[in-house]
Amino acid sequence: MKNLLLESHCIFPTSDIVKTANFYERKMGFKAVQFLDANEPHICQYRDTTEIILTKM
């Protein structure tokens, strides 16, 4: 059976979005897209059909 993450869309506030994004990439296989110059800086993480949005606290 193939292990997939399915249909999840979560928003996690964190004090260091770059460090947290690196963790998700290294340990869990997510791919990051950074939007650090936006009015509300954030990083979107993608894997399978799951998206996690990291925002600054």
PDB file of N, CA and C in Angstrom:
ATOM      1  N   MET A   1       0.847  -1.185   0.000  1.00  0.00           N
ATOM      2  CA  MET A   1       0.000   0.000   0.000  1.00  0.00           C
ATOM      3  C   MET A   1       0.889   1.243   0.000  1.00  0.00           C
ATOM      4  N   LYS A   2       0.548   2.216  -0.804  1.00  0.00           N
ATOM      5  CA  LYS A   2       1.307   3.465  -0.888  1.00  0.00           C
ATOM      6  C   LYS A   2       0.862   4.416   0.219  1.00  0.00           C
ATOM      7  N   ASN A   3       1.827   4.991   0.940  1.00  0.00           N
ATOM      8  CA  ASN A   3       1.512   5.937   2.007  1.00  0.00           C
ATOM      9  C   ASN A   3       1.393   7.333   1.432  1.00  0.00           C
ATOM     10  N   LEU A   4       0.214   7.916   1.490  1.00  0.00           N
ATOM     11  CA  LEU A   4      -0.040   9.263   0.993  1.00  0.00           C
ATOM     12  C   LEU A   4      -0.686  10.111   2.069  1.00  0.00           C
ATOM     13  N   LEU A   5      -0.452  11.410   2.007  1.00  0.00           N
ATOM     14  CA  LEU A   5      -1.220  12.364   2.802  1.00  0.00           C
ATOM     15  C   LEU A   5      -2.341  12.856   1.907  1.00  0.00           C
ATOM     16  N   LEU A   6      -3.548  12.843   2.386  1.00  0.00           N
ATOM     17  CA  LEU A   6      -4.686  13.158   1.541  1.00  0.00           C
ATOM     18  C   LEU A   6      -5.508  14.321   2.069  1.00  0.00           C
ATOM     19  N   GLU A   7      -5.810  15.275   1.177  1.00  0.00           N
ATOM     20  CA  GLU A   7      -6.835  16.288   1.386  1.00  0.00           C
ATOM     21  C   GLU A   7      -6.749  17.039   2.711  1.00  0.00           C
ATOM     22  N   SER A   8      -5.621  17.586   3.026  1.00  0.00           N
ATOM     23  CA  SER A   8      -5.492  18.361   4.245  1.00  0.00           C
ATOM     24  C   SER A   8      -4.980  19.752   3.898  1.00  0.00           C
ATOM     25  N   HIS A   9      -5.465  20.744   4.614  1.00  0.00           N
ATOM     26  CA  HIS A   9      -5.045  22.136   4.401  1.00  0.00           C
ATOM     27  C   HIS A   9      -4.963  22.767   5.787  1.00  0.00           C
ATOM     28  N   CYS A  10      -3.750  22.874   6.313  1.00  0.00           N
ATOM     29  CA  CYS A  10      -3.550  23.361   7.679  1.00  0.00           C
ATOM     30  C   CYS A  10      -2.755  24.657   7.670  1.00  0.00           C
ATOM     31  N   ILE A  11      -3.019  25.495   8.664  1.00  0.00           N
ATOM     32  CA  ILE A  11      -2.257  26.729   8.848  1.00  0.00           C
ATOM     33  C   ILE A  11      -1.628  26.664  10.234  1.00  0.00           C
ATOM     34  N   PHE A  12      -0.293  26.769  10.261  1.00  0.00           N
ATOM     35  CA  PHE A  12       0.435  26.701  11.521  1.00  0.00           C
ATOM     36  C   PHE A  12       1.228  27.984  11.739  1.00  0.00           C
ATOM     37  N   PRO A  13       0.915  28.756  12.778  1.00  0.00           N
ATOM     38  CA  PRO A  13       1.754  29.904  13.127  1.00  0.00           C
ATOM     39  C   PRO A  13       3.021  29.410  13.833  1.00  0.00           C
ATOM     40  N   THR A  14       4.155  30.003  13.500  1.00  0.00           N
ATOM     41  CA  THR A  14       5.425  29.608  14.095  1.00  0.00           C
ATOM     42  C   THR A  14       6.347  30.823  14.186  1.00  0.00           C
ATOM     43  N   SER A  15       7.251  30.808  15.123  1.00  0.00           N
ATOM     44  CA  SER A  15       8.139  31.960  15.312  1.00  0.00           C
ATOM     45  C   SER A  15       9.233  32.035  14.251  1.00  0.00           C
ATOM     46  N   ASP A  16       9.617  30.901  13.652  1.00  0.00           N
ATOM     47  CA  ASP A  16      10.659  30.880  12.621  1.00  0.00           C
ATOM     48  C   ASP A  16      10.166  30.024  11.454  1.00  0.00           C
ATOM     49  N   ILE A  17       9.523  30.667  10.467  1.00  0.00           N
ATOM     50  CA  ILE A  17       8.899  29.902   9.384  1.00  0.00           C
ATOM     51  C   ILE A  17       9.924  29.218   8.484  1.00  0.00           C
ATOM     52  N   VAL A  18      11.105  29.806   8.318  1.00  0.00           N
ATOM     53  CA  VAL A  18      12.134  29.193   7.467  1.00  0.00           C
ATOM     54  C   VAL A  18      12.669  27.916   8.121  1.00  0.00           C
ATOM     55  N   LYS A  19      12.976  27.978   9.398  1.00  0.00           N
ATOM     56  CA  LYS A  19      13.470  26.803  10.125  1.00  0.00           C
ATOM     57  C   LYS A  19      12.408  25.696  10.132  1.00  0.00           C
ATOM     58  N   THR A  20      11.163  26.056  10.356  1.00  0.00           N
ATOM     59  CA  THR A  20      10.083  25.069  10.366  1.00  0.00           C
ATOM     60  C   THR A  20       9.896  24.454   8.988  1.00  0.00           C
ATOM     61  N   ALA A  21       9.950  25.276   7.942  1.00  0.00           N
ATOM     62  CA  ALA A  21       9.819  24.764   6.570  1.00  0.00           C
ATOM     63  C   ALA A  21      10.943  23.778   6.255  1.00  0.00           C
ATOM     64  N   ASN A  22      12.160  24.097   6.681  1.00  0.00           N
ATOM     65  CA  ASN A  22      13.286  23.190   6.468  1.00  0.00           C
ATOM     66  C   ASN A  22      13.048  21.843   7.141  1.00  0.00           C
ATOM     67  N   PHE A  23      12.471  21.859   8.338  1.00  0.00           N
ATOM     68  CA  PHE A  23      12.149  20.609   9.033  1.00  0.00           C
ATOM     69  C   PHE A  23      11.166  19.776   8.207  1.00  0.00           C
ATOM     70  N   TYR A  24      10.091  20.399   7.743  1.00  0.00           N
ATOM     71  CA  TYR A  24       9.087  19.666   6.951  1.00  0.00           C
ATOM     72  C   TYR A  24       9.692  19.104   5.667  1.00  0.00           C
ATOM     73  N   GLU A  25      10.612  19.819   5.067  1.00  0.00           N
ATOM     74  CA  GLU A  25      11.263  19.329   3.845  1.00  0.00           C
ATOM     75  C   GLU A  25      12.188  18.145   4.146  1.00  0.00           C
ATOM     76  N   ARG A  26      13.065  18.291   5.133  1.00  0.00           N
ATOM     77  CA  ARG A  26      14.056  17.247   5.431  1.00  0.00           C
ATOM     78  C   ARG A  26      13.429  15.989   6.027  1.00  0.00           C
ATOM     79  N   LYS A  27      12.545  16.162   6.975  1.00  0.00           N
ATOM     80  CA  LYS A  27      12.030  15.022   7.740  1.00  0.00           C
ATOM     81  C   LYS A  27      10.764  14.396   7.162  1.00  0.00           C
ATOM     82  N   MET A  28       9.959  15.206   6.420  1.00  0.00           N
ATOM     83  CA  MET A  28       8.658  14.690   6.001  1.00  0.00           C
ATOM     84  C   MET A  28       8.426  14.731   4.492  1.00  0.00           C
ATOM     85  N   GLY A  29       9.415  15.212   3.732  1.00  0.00           N
ATOM     86  CA  GLY A  29       9.317  15.164   2.281  1.00  0.00           C
ATOM     87  C   GLY A  29       8.443  16.212   1.618  1.00  0.00           C
ATOM     88  N   PHE A  30       8.143  17.307   2.314  1.00  0.00           N
ATOM     89  CA  PHE A  30       7.364  18.387   1.722  1.00  0.00           C
ATOM     90  C   PHE A  30       8.235  19.239   0.808  1.00  0.00           C
ATOM     91  N   LYS A  31       7.624  19.919  -0.133  1.00  0.00           N
ATOM     92  CA  LYS A  31       8.289  20.892  -0.998  1.00  0.00           C
ATOM     93  C   LYS A  31       7.767  22.273  -0.619  1.00  0.00           C
ATOM     94  N   ALA A  32       8.684  23.229  -0.459  1.00  0.00           N
ATOM     95  CA  ALA A  32       8.309  24.564   0.016  1.00  0.00           C
ATOM     96  C   ALA A  32       8.244  25.574  -1.117  1.00  0.00           C
ATOM     97  N   VAL A  33       7.265  26.480  -1.003  1.00  0.00           N
ATOM     98  CA  VAL A  33       7.164  27.659  -1.862  1.00  0.00           C
ATOM     99  C   VAL A  33       7.084  28.853  -0.918  1.00  0.00           C
ATOM    100  N   GLN A  34       8.078  29.739  -1.003  1.00  0.00           N
ATOM    101  CA  GLN A  34       8.164  30.861  -0.064  1.00  0.00           C
ATOM    102  C   GLN A  34       7.485  32.109  -0.608  1.00  0.00           C
ATOM    103  N   PHE A  35       6.746  32.773   0.270  1.00  0.00           N
ATOM    104  CA  PHE A  35       6.105  34.053  -0.016  1.00  0.00           C
ATOM    105  C   PHE A  35       6.503  35.026   1.094  1.00  0.00           C
ATOM    106  N   LEU A  36       7.814  35.231   1.250  1.00  0.00           N
ATOM    107  CA  LEU A  36       8.328  36.020   2.360  1.00  0.00           C
ATOM    108  C   LEU A  36       8.199  37.521   2.140  1.00  0.00           C
ATOM    109  N   ASP A  37       7.989  37.961   0.893  1.00  0.00           N
ATOM    110  CA  ASP A  37       7.833  39.393   0.609  1.00  0.00           C
ATOM    111  C   ASP A  37       6.376  39.828   0.566  1.00  0.00           C
ATOM    112  N   ALA A  38       5.453  38.936   0.875  1.00  0.00           N
ATOM    113  CA  ALA A  38       4.021  39.260   0.880  1.00  0.00           C
ATOM    114  C   ALA A  38       3.689  40.135   2.082  1.00  0.00           C
ATOM    115  N   ASN A  39       2.509  40.774   2.061  1.00  0.00           N
ATOM    116  CA  ASN A  39       2.067  41.578   3.208  1.00  0.00           C
ATOM    117  C   ASN A  39       2.055  40.752   4.489  1.00  0.00           C
ATOM    118  N   GLU A  40       1.657  39.503   4.379  1.00  0.00           N
ATOM    119  CA  GLU A  40       1.695  38.562   5.494  1.00  0.00           C
ATOM    120  C   GLU A  40       2.636  37.423   5.094  1.00  0.00           C
ATOM    121  N   PRO A  41       3.931  37.527   5.438  1.00  0.00           N
ATOM    122  CA  PRO A  41       4.900  36.517   5.005  1.00  0.00           C
ATOM    123  C   PRO A  41       4.469  35.105   5.415  1.00  0.00           C
ATOM    124  N   HIS A  42       4.627  34.164   4.481  1.00  0.00           N
ATOM    125  CA  HIS A  42       4.272  32.784   4.761  1.00  0.00           C
ATOM    126  C   HIS A  42       5.019  31.854   3.811  1.00  0.00           C
ATOM    127  N   ILE A  43       5.018  30.587   4.148  1.00  0.00           N
ATOM    128  CA  ILE A  43       5.596  29.547   3.302  1.00  0.00           C
ATOM    129  C   ILE A  43       4.554  28.453   3.154  1.00  0.00           C
ATOM    130  N   CYS A  44       4.309  28.043   1.921  1.00  0.00           N
ATOM    131  CA  CYS A  44       3.396  26.936   1.656  1.00  0.00           C
ATOM    132  C   CYS A  44       4.218  25.671   1.462  1.00  0.00           C
ATOM    133  N   GLN A  45       3.800  24.604   2.093  1.00  0.00           N
ATOM    134  CA  GLN A  45       4.454  23.306   1.994  1.00  0.00           C
ATOM    135  C   GLN A  45       3.491  22.347   1.296  1.00  0.00           C
ATOM    136  N   TYR A  46       4.000  21.576   0.333  1.00  0.00           N
ATOM    137  CA  TYR A  46       3.160  20.658  -0.430  1.00  0.00           C
ATOM    138  C   TYR A  46       3.727  19.247  -0.419  1.00  0.00           C
ATOM    139  N   ARG A  47       2.834  18.281  -0.252  1.00  0.00           N
ATOM    140  CA  ARG A  47       3.179  16.867  -0.402  1.00  0.00           C
ATOM    141  C   ARG A  47       1.893  16.110  -0.710  1.00  0.00           C
ATOM    142  N   ASP A  48       1.935  15.308  -1.765  1.00  0.00           N
ATOM    143  CA  ASP A  48       0.768  14.561  -2.217  1.00  0.00           C
ATOM    144  C   ASP A  48      -0.382  15.558  -2.438  1.00  0.00           C
ATOM    145  N   THR A  49      -1.506  15.382  -1.793  1.00  0.00           N
ATOM    146  CA  THR A  49      -2.619  16.331  -1.937  1.00  0.00           C
ATOM    147  C   THR A  49      -2.798  17.173  -0.676  1.00  0.00           C
ATOM    148  N   THR A  50      -1.703  17.361   0.051  1.00  0.00           N
ATOM    149  CA  THR A  50      -1.737  18.101   1.310  1.00  0.00           C
ATOM    150  C   THR A  50      -0.972  19.406   1.180  1.00  0.00           C
ATOM    151  N   GLU A  51      -1.519  20.462   1.762  1.00  0.00           N
ATOM    152  CA  GLU A  51      -0.856  21.764   1.813  1.00  0.00           C
ATOM    153  C   GLU A  51      -0.814  22.215   3.263  1.00  0.00           C
ATOM    154  N   ILE A  52       0.348  22.657   3.708  1.00  0.00           N
ATOM    155  CA  ILE A  52       0.518  23.255   5.030  1.00  0.00           C
ATOM    156  C   ILE A  52       1.030  24.669   4.818  1.00  0.00           C
ATOM    157  N   ILE A  53       0.402  25.618   5.467  1.00  0.00           N
ATOM    158  CA  ILE A  53       0.815  27.017   5.362  1.00  0.00           C
ATOM    159  C   ILE A  53       1.438  27.426   6.693  1.00  0.00           C
ATOM    160  N   LEU A  54       2.671  27.897   6.634  1.00  0.00           N
ATOM    161  CA  LEU A  54       3.377  28.365   7.821  1.00  0.00           C
ATOM    162  C   LEU A  54       3.329  29.896   7.832  1.00  0.00           C
ATOM    163  N   THR A  55       2.862  30.460   8.940  1.00  0.00           N
ATOM    164  CA  THR A  55       2.786  31.914   9.083  1.00  0.00           C
ATOM    165  C   THR A  55       3.608  32.330  10.292  1.00  0.00           C
ATOM    166  N   LYS A  56       4.005  33.604  10.303  1.00  0.00           N
ATOM    167  CA  LYS A  56       4.740  34.122  11.456  1.00  0.00           C
ATOM    168  C   LYS A  56       3.781  34.373  12.608  1.00  0.00           C
ATOM    169  N   MET A  57       4.241  34.056  13.824  1.00  0.00           N
ATOM    170  CA  MET A  57       3.441  34.339  15.036  1.00  0.00           C
ATOM    171  C   MET A  57       3.427  35.812  15.313  1.00  0.00           C
TER     172      MET A  57
END
